[in-house]
Amino acid sequence: MNIETQSLFDKFVEIDWNELWEKVSTHRRYVVECDDREGILSVVASCDGDFHMAIDKGSGQLRPTPSFRSRTFIGGGRNERIRKALALLALAINEDTENK
């Protein structure tokens, strides 16, 4: 893709998927507790390359929020940039928790 026709997101994000998979394992739940400790955010990479995100309620939330899945093109995925963002989120959670 020509740099002039790339979206702003694509200009900022170029993922080396092989390197990412060295750090982000499949079927592992990457979890971060919200700063106010009122819930958790989790991201899971499945073996087919899909990424799943969920926000689980804390004691101060009224109801749970549903989970979200971003699929690969093979699975009919329409949101490749969202999938990349979730992959980066899983990596960020992994690196933040490794450094604590």
Foldseek 3Di string as FASTA:
>chain_A
DDPVPDDPLVVVDDDPVVVLCVQAPAPDWQWDAPPVNQWIWIWHQHPQGKIKIFIQGGPPDDDGDDMDIAHDVVVVGDCVSVSRVSSVVSNVSSVVVVVD
